[in-house]
Amino acid sequence: MLAGCGSTDSSDGLAANSATAISSLGSYVLEATVDGGAPVVRGVHGVALHVKRLDTGAPAAGLALAIQSWMPAMGHGSPYDGTVLESGGGNYRAEEVSLFMAGTWELRTTIEPGDERATLSFDVR
């Protein structure tokens, strides 16, 4: 099961480059920002992720995150997924995230320990 909500529009009417989701078991809140500003354009991107405990709001350090880029309208993912590294204080960074077509993309995120999942959605132009 996936739980979350994505941000699709910023206050200036452009597709947003950030999204927030709650993990499937309700333990974490994930906030993701795609590099390059809004709108997100086709290409290979870095993504900054901030993870905090839902119950306390404290940064969630020491987790292992994995992401899969997925385009639901086309039924496929990208040819490769970015590698996620922890940078401390609940901050993580994914590099080489391929969003190669215009449309809605999901960053399907798995969080260990606990096998929790969250989906962050972005509209790519």
N, C-alpha and C. Protein backbone atom coordinates (compact mmCIF):
# COMPACT_ATOMS: atom_id res chain seq x y z
N MET A 1 0.83 -1.17 0.00
CA MET A 1 0.00 0.00 0.00
C MET A 1 0.88 1.23 0.00
N LEU A 2 0.45 2.22 -0.77
CA LEU A 2 1.18 3.48 -0.83
C LEU A 2 0.30 4.57 -0.27
N ALA A 3 0.92 5.47 0.45
CA ALA A 3 0.17 6.60 0.99
C ALA A 3 0.94 7.86 0.69
N GLY A 4 0.24 8.91 0.40
CA GLY A 4 0.94 10.16 0.21
C GLY A 4 0.15 11.11 -0.65
N CYS A 5 0.70 12.27 -0.78
CA CYS A 5 0.09 13.27 -1.63
C CYS A 5 1.20 14.02 -2.31
N GLY A 6 0.98 14.36 -3.53
CA GLY A 6 1.98 15.11 -4.28
C GLY A 6 1.50 16.51 -4.55
N SER A 7 2.42 17.40 -4.66
CA SER A 7 2.10 18.77 -4.99
C SER A 7 2.21 18.93 -6.49
N THR A 8 1.18 19.44 -7.15
CA THR A 8 1.23 19.57 -8.60
C THR A 8 1.37 20.99 -9.08
N ASP A 9 1.00 21.96 -8.31
CA ASP A 9 1.12 23.34 -8.76
C ASP A 9 1.69 24.21 -7.65
N SER A 10 2.56 25.12 -8.06
CA SER A 10 3.10 26.08 -7.12
C SER A 10 2.21 27.32 -7.15
N SER A 11 2.47 28.27 -6.30
CA SER A 11 1.63 29.46 -6.21
C SER A 11 1.66 30.28 -7.48
N ASP A 12 2.71 30.15 -8.32
CA ASP A 12 2.77 30.92 -9.56
C ASP A 12 2.18 30.16 -10.74
N GLY A 13 1.55 29.00 -10.51
CA GLY A 13 0.89 28.25 -11.55
C GLY A 13 1.79 27.28 -12.30
N LEU A 14 3.08 27.26 -12.00
CA LEU A 14 3.98 26.30 -12.62
C LEU A 14 3.92 24.98 -11.89
N ALA A 15 4.21 23.91 -12.60
CA ALA A 15 4.29 22.61 -11.93
C ALA A 15 5.38 22.68 -10.87
N ALA A 16 5.08 22.20 -9.68
CA ALA A 16 6.00 22.30 -8.55
C ALA A 16 7.16 21.32 -8.69
N ASN A 17 8.29 21.68 -8.07
CA ASN A 17 9.43 20.77 -8.07
C ASN A 17 9.60 20.12 -6.70
N SER A 18 8.57 20.20 -5.85
CA SER A 18 8.63 19.55 -4.54
C SER A 18 7.31 18.83 -4.26
N ALA A 19 7.42 17.80 -3.43
CA ALA A 19 6.25 17.01 -3.06
C ALA A 19 6.47 16.43 -1.67
N THR A 20 5.38 16.10 -1.00
CA THR A 20 5.42 15.53 0.35
C THR A 20 4.53 14.29 0.38
N ALA A 21 4.98 13.27 1.13
CA ALA A 21 4.17 12.04 1.27
C ALA A 21 4.38 11.47 2.66
N ILE A 22 3.38 10.73 3.13
CA ILE A 22 3.46 10.00 4.40
C ILE A 22 3.68 8.53 4.04
N SER A 23 4.58 7.88 4.76
CA SER A 23 4.89 6.48 4.46
C SER A 23 3.69 5.57 4.73
N SER A 24 3.72 4.39 4.12
CA SER A 24 2.59 3.47 4.14
C SER A 24 2.15 3.03 5.54
N LEU A 25 3.09 2.94 6.48
CA LEU A 25 2.74 2.54 7.85
C LEU A 25 2.61 3.75 8.78
N GLY A 26 2.73 4.94 8.23
CA GLY A 26 2.54 6.15 9.01
C GLY A 26 3.68 6.53 9.94
N SER A 27 4.87 6.00 9.70
CA SER A 27 6.01 6.31 10.57
C SER A 27 6.76 7.57 10.15
N TYR A 28 6.77 7.87 8.85
CA TYR A 28 7.63 8.94 8.32
C TYR A 28 6.88 9.90 7.41
N VAL A 29 7.39 11.13 7.37
CA VAL A 29 6.99 12.11 6.37
C VAL A 29 8.20 12.34 5.49
N LEU A 30 8.02 12.24 4.19
CA LEU A 30 9.09 12.47 3.23
C LEU A 30 8.79 13.75 2.47
N GLU A 31 9.79 14.58 2.33
CA GLU A 31 9.70 15.79 1.52
C GLU A 31 10.79 15.68 0.46
N ALA A 32 10.43 15.86 -0.80
CA ALA A 32 11.40 15.74 -1.89
C ALA A 32 11.37 16.99 -2.75
N THR A 33 12.55 17.40 -3.19
CA THR A 33 12.68 18.54 -4.09
C THR A 33 13.60 18.15 -5.24
N VAL A 34 13.10 18.29 -6.46
CA VAL A 34 13.89 18.00 -7.65
C VAL A 34 14.73 19.24 -7.97
N ASP A 35 16.03 19.02 -8.22
CA ASP A 35 16.92 20.13 -8.57
C ASP A 35 16.44 20.85 -9.82
N GLY A 36 16.77 22.12 -9.92
CA GLY A 36 16.52 22.87 -11.14
C GLY A 36 15.33 23.79 -11.10
N GLY A 37 14.58 23.81 -10.03
CA GLY A 37 13.44 24.73 -9.93
C GLY A 37 12.22 24.20 -10.65
N ALA A 38 11.17 25.04 -10.63
CA ALA A 38 9.90 24.68 -11.24
C ALA A 38 9.76 25.41 -12.57
N PRO A 39 9.17 24.82 -13.58
CA PRO A 39 8.69 23.45 -13.59
C PRO A 39 9.84 22.46 -13.77
N VAL A 40 9.58 21.21 -13.39
CA VAL A 40 10.55 20.15 -13.62
C VAL A 40 10.54 19.84 -15.12
N VAL A 41 11.72 19.79 -15.72
CA VAL A 41 11.81 19.51 -17.15
C VAL A 41 12.43 18.13 -17.36
N ARG A 42 12.18 17.56 -18.53
CA ARG A 42 12.72 16.24 -18.86
C ARG A 42 14.22 16.22 -18.70
N GLY A 43 14.74 15.10 -18.19
CA GLY A 43 16.17 14.95 -18.08
C GLY A 43 16.56 14.14 -16.86
N VAL A 44 17.85 14.19 -16.55
CA VAL A 44 18.41 13.49 -15.40
C VAL A 44 18.61 14.51 -14.29
N HIS A 45 18.12 14.20 -13.10
CA HIS A 45 18.09 15.17 -12.00
C HIS A 45 18.68 14.60 -10.72
N GLY A 46 19.06 15.51 -9.84
CA GLY A 46 19.30 15.20 -8.44
C GLY A 46 18.03 15.49 -7.67
N VAL A 47 17.80 14.75 -6.61
CA VAL A 47 16.61 14.96 -5.78
C VAL A 47 17.05 14.99 -4.32
N ALA A 48 16.70 16.08 -3.63
CA ALA A 48 16.95 16.19 -2.19
C ALA A 48 15.74 15.64 -1.45
N LEU A 49 15.98 14.76 -0.48
CA LEU A 49 14.91 14.16 0.32
C LEU A 49 15.16 14.49 1.79
N HIS A 50 14.11 14.90 2.47
CA HIS A 50 14.19 15.10 3.92
C HIS A 50 13.15 14.18 4.54
N VAL A 51 13.58 13.38 5.53
CA VAL A 51 12.68 12.41 6.16
C VAL A 51 12.62 12.72 7.65
N LYS A 52 11.40 12.78 8.17
CA LYS A 52 11.23 12.98 9.62
C LYS A 52 10.20 12.01 10.15
N ARG A 53 10.28 11.76 11.46
CA ARG A 53 9.31 10.90 12.14
C ARG A 53 7.97 11.63 12.17
N LEU A 54 6.92 10.93 11.82
CA LEU A 54 5.59 11.54 11.83
C LEU A 54 5.15 11.86 13.24
N ASP A 55 5.47 10.97 14.21
CA ASP A 55 4.97 11.15 15.57
C ASP A 55 5.67 12.28 16.32
N THR A 56 6.94 12.52 16.05
CA THR A 56 7.68 13.55 16.80
C THR A 56 8.15 14.72 15.96
N GLY A 57 8.20 14.55 14.66
CA GLY A 57 8.74 15.58 13.78
C GLY A 57 10.26 15.61 13.76
N ALA A 58 10.89 14.68 14.47
CA ALA A 58 12.36 14.63 14.53
C ALA A 58 12.92 14.09 13.23
N PRO A 59 14.09 14.59 12.79
CA PRO A 59 14.74 14.05 11.60
C PRO A 59 14.98 12.55 11.76
N ALA A 60 14.77 11.80 10.69
CA ALA A 60 14.94 10.35 10.71
C ALA A 60 16.26 9.99 10.04
N ALA A 61 17.25 9.73 10.86
CA ALA A 61 18.58 9.40 10.35
C ALA A 61 18.78 7.89 10.38
N GLY A 62 19.77 7.42 9.64
CA GLY A 62 20.15 6.02 9.67
C GLY A 62 19.25 5.09 8.89
N LEU A 63 18.46 5.63 7.97
CA LEU A 63 17.57 4.79 7.16
C LEU A 63 18.25 4.44 5.85
N ALA A 64 17.79 3.40 5.22
CA ALA A 64 18.21 3.07 3.86
C ALA A 64 17.03 3.35 2.94
N LEU A 65 17.21 4.27 2.00
CA LEU A 65 16.15 4.62 1.06
C LEU A 65 16.52 4.11 -0.33
N ALA A 66 15.53 3.65 -1.04
CA ALA A 66 15.70 3.28 -2.45
C ALA A 66 14.54 3.90 -3.22
N ILE A 67 14.82 4.38 -4.42
CA ILE A 67 13.75 4.96 -5.22
C ILE A 67 13.67 4.28 -6.57
N GLN A 68 12.44 4.27 -7.09
CA GLN A 68 12.20 3.81 -8.45
C GLN A 68 11.40 4.90 -9.14
N SER A 69 11.90 5.38 -10.26
CA SER A 69 11.16 6.36 -11.07
C SER A 69 10.13 5.60 -11.89
N TRP A 70 8.87 6.02 -11.83
CA TRP A 70 7.80 5.28 -12.50
C TRP A 70 6.84 6.26 -13.16
N MET A 71 6.47 5.98 -14.40
CA MET A 71 5.51 6.79 -15.14
C MET A 71 4.22 5.99 -15.29
N PRO A 72 3.24 6.22 -14.40
CA PRO A 72 2.04 5.38 -14.38
C PRO A 72 1.23 5.40 -15.68
N ALA A 73 1.16 6.53 -16.36
CA ALA A 73 0.36 6.61 -17.58
C ALA A 73 0.93 5.73 -18.69
N MET A 74 2.23 5.49 -18.66
CA MET A 74 2.89 4.69 -19.69
C MET A 74 3.18 3.27 -19.21
N GLY A 75 3.03 3.02 -17.90
CA GLY A 75 3.24 1.68 -17.36
C GLY A 75 4.69 1.24 -17.36
N HIS A 76 5.61 2.20 -17.23
CA HIS A 76 7.03 1.84 -17.19
C HIS A 76 7.81 2.80 -16.31
N GLY A 77 8.99 2.36 -15.95
CA GLY A 77 9.90 3.19 -15.19
C GLY A 77 11.00 3.72 -16.07
N SER A 78 12.00 4.29 -15.45
CA SER A 78 13.14 4.79 -16.21
C SER A 78 14.15 3.66 -16.38
N PRO A 79 15.09 3.82 -17.32
CA PRO A 79 16.06 2.76 -17.56
C PRO A 79 17.01 2.53 -16.38
N TYR A 80 17.13 3.50 -15.51
CA TYR A 80 17.94 3.33 -14.30
C TYR A 80 17.39 4.24 -13.21
N ASP A 81 17.61 3.83 -11.98
CA ASP A 81 17.13 4.60 -10.83
C ASP A 81 18.31 5.21 -10.12
N GLY A 82 18.09 6.34 -9.50
CA GLY A 82 19.16 7.02 -8.80
C GLY A 82 19.59 6.29 -7.54
N THR A 83 20.81 6.54 -7.15
CA THR A 83 21.35 6.02 -5.90
C THR A 83 21.08 7.03 -4.80
N VAL A 84 20.59 6.57 -3.64
CA VAL A 84 20.26 7.47 -2.53
C VAL A 84 21.32 7.32 -1.45
N LEU A 85 21.90 8.45 -1.04
CA LEU A 85 22.89 8.48 0.03
C LEU A 85 22.42 9.41 1.14
N GLU A 86 22.73 9.06 2.38
CA GLU A 86 22.38 9.89 3.53
C GLU A 86 23.44 10.96 3.72
N SER A 87 22.98 12.18 4.02
CA SER A 87 23.93 13.27 4.29
C SER A 87 23.81 13.81 5.71
N GLY A 88 22.97 13.19 6.54
CA GLY A 88 22.86 13.57 7.95
C GLY A 88 21.63 14.40 8.25
N GLY A 89 21.18 14.35 9.50
CA GLY A 89 20.06 15.17 9.95
C GLY A 89 18.75 14.88 9.25
N GLY A 90 18.54 13.64 8.82
CA GLY A 90 17.32 13.29 8.12
C GLY A 90 17.34 13.66 6.65
N ASN A 91 18.49 14.12 6.16
CA ASN A 91 18.64 14.52 4.76
C ASN A 91 19.28 13.40 3.95
N TYR A 92 18.73 13.19 2.77
CA TYR A 92 19.20 12.17 1.85
C TYR A 92 19.25 12.80 0.47
N ARG A 93 20.05 12.22 -0.41
CA ARG A 93 20.18 12.76 -1.76
C ARG A 93 20.22 11.63 -2.77
N ALA A 94 19.39 11.76 -3.80
CA ALA A 94 19.38 10.83 -4.91
C ALA A 94 20.00 11.54 -6.12
N GLU A 95 20.93 10.88 -6.76
CA GLU A 95 21.56 11.42 -7.97
C GLU A 95 21.16 10.56 -9.16
N GLU A 96 21.23 11.16 -10.33
CA GLU A 96 21.00 10.43 -11.59
C GLU A 96 19.58 9.85 -11.68
N VAL A 97 18.59 10.65 -11.29
CA VAL A 97 17.19 10.24 -11.40
C VAL A 97 16.70 10.64 -12.79
N SER A 98 16.34 9.66 -13.59
CA SER A 98 15.96 9.90 -14.98
C SER A 98 14.45 10.08 -15.10
N LEU A 99 14.05 11.28 -15.52
CA LEU A 99 12.66 11.61 -15.81
C LEU A 99 12.64 12.04 -17.28
N PHE A 100 12.65 11.08 -18.20
CA PHE A 100 12.99 11.34 -19.59
C PHE A 100 11.83 11.67 -20.51
N MET A 101 10.60 11.65 -20.01
CA MET A 101 9.43 11.98 -20.82
C MET A 101 8.57 12.99 -20.08
N ALA A 102 7.85 13.79 -20.83
CA ALA A 102 6.89 14.72 -20.23
C ALA A 102 5.71 13.93 -19.68
N GLY A 103 5.17 14.37 -18.55
CA GLY A 103 4.02 13.73 -17.93
C GLY A 103 4.24 13.57 -16.44
N THR A 104 3.34 12.86 -15.78
CA THR A 104 3.44 12.65 -14.34
C THR A 104 4.37 11.48 -14.06
N TRP A 105 5.34 11.73 -13.19
CA TRP A 105 6.29 10.71 -12.73
C TRP A 105 6.12 10.52 -11.24
N GLU A 106 6.27 9.28 -10.79
CA GLU A 106 6.28 8.96 -9.37
C GLU A 106 7.69 8.55 -8.96
N LEU A 107 8.11 8.99 -7.80
CA LEU A 107 9.31 8.47 -7.18
C LEU A 107 8.82 7.51 -6.11
N ARG A 108 8.81 6.24 -6.42
CA ARG A 108 8.35 5.20 -5.50
C ARG A 108 9.52 4.90 -4.56
N THR A 109 9.32 5.21 -3.30
CA THR A 109 10.39 5.16 -2.31
C THR A 109 10.15 4.04 -1.32
N THR A 110 11.19 3.25 -1.08
CA THR A 110 11.16 2.21 -0.06
C THR A 110 12.07 2.64 1.07
N ILE A 111 11.59 2.46 2.31
CA ILE A 111 12.34 2.89 3.50
C ILE A 111 12.61 1.66 4.36
N GLU A 112 13.87 1.45 4.68
CA GLU A 112 14.28 0.35 5.56
C GLU A 112 14.96 0.94 6.79
N PRO A 113 14.85 0.35 7.95
CA PRO A 113 14.12 -0.89 8.23
C PRO A 113 12.61 -0.65 8.24
N GLY A 114 11.86 -1.72 8.11
CA GLY A 114 10.42 -1.66 8.21
C GLY A 114 9.67 -1.83 6.92
N ASP A 115 10.38 -1.81 5.78
CA ASP A 115 9.75 -1.99 4.48
C ASP A 115 8.55 -1.06 4.29
N GLU A 116 8.73 0.20 4.68
CA GLU A 116 7.68 1.19 4.45
C GLU A 116 7.85 1.76 3.06
N ARG A 117 6.76 2.26 2.50
CA ARG A 117 6.79 2.80 1.15
C ARG A 117 6.08 4.14 1.11
N ALA A 118 6.52 4.97 0.18
CA ALA A 118 5.87 6.25 -0.06
C ALA A 118 6.04 6.61 -1.52
N THR A 119 5.07 7.31 -2.08
CA THR A 119 5.14 7.73 -3.48
C THR A 119 5.04 9.25 -3.53
N LEU A 120 6.03 9.85 -4.22
CA LEU A 120 6.06 11.30 -4.42
C LEU A 120 5.85 11.54 -5.91
N SER A 121 4.91 12.42 -6.28
CA SER A 121 4.57 12.64 -7.69
C SER A 121 5.01 14.01 -8.17
N PHE A 122 5.48 14.04 -9.42
CA PHE A 122 5.92 15.28 -10.05
C PHE A 122 5.42 15.33 -11.48
N ASP A 123 4.98 16.51 -11.93
CA ASP A 123 4.63 16.71 -13.32
C ASP A 123 5.86 17.24 -14.03
N VAL A 124 6.27 16.54 -15.07
CA VAL A 124 7.48 16.88 -15.82
C VAL A 124 7.05 17.44 -17.18
N ARG A 125 7.72 18.52 -17.56
CA ARG A 125 7.39 19.15 -18.85
C ARG A 125 8.51 19.00 -19.83
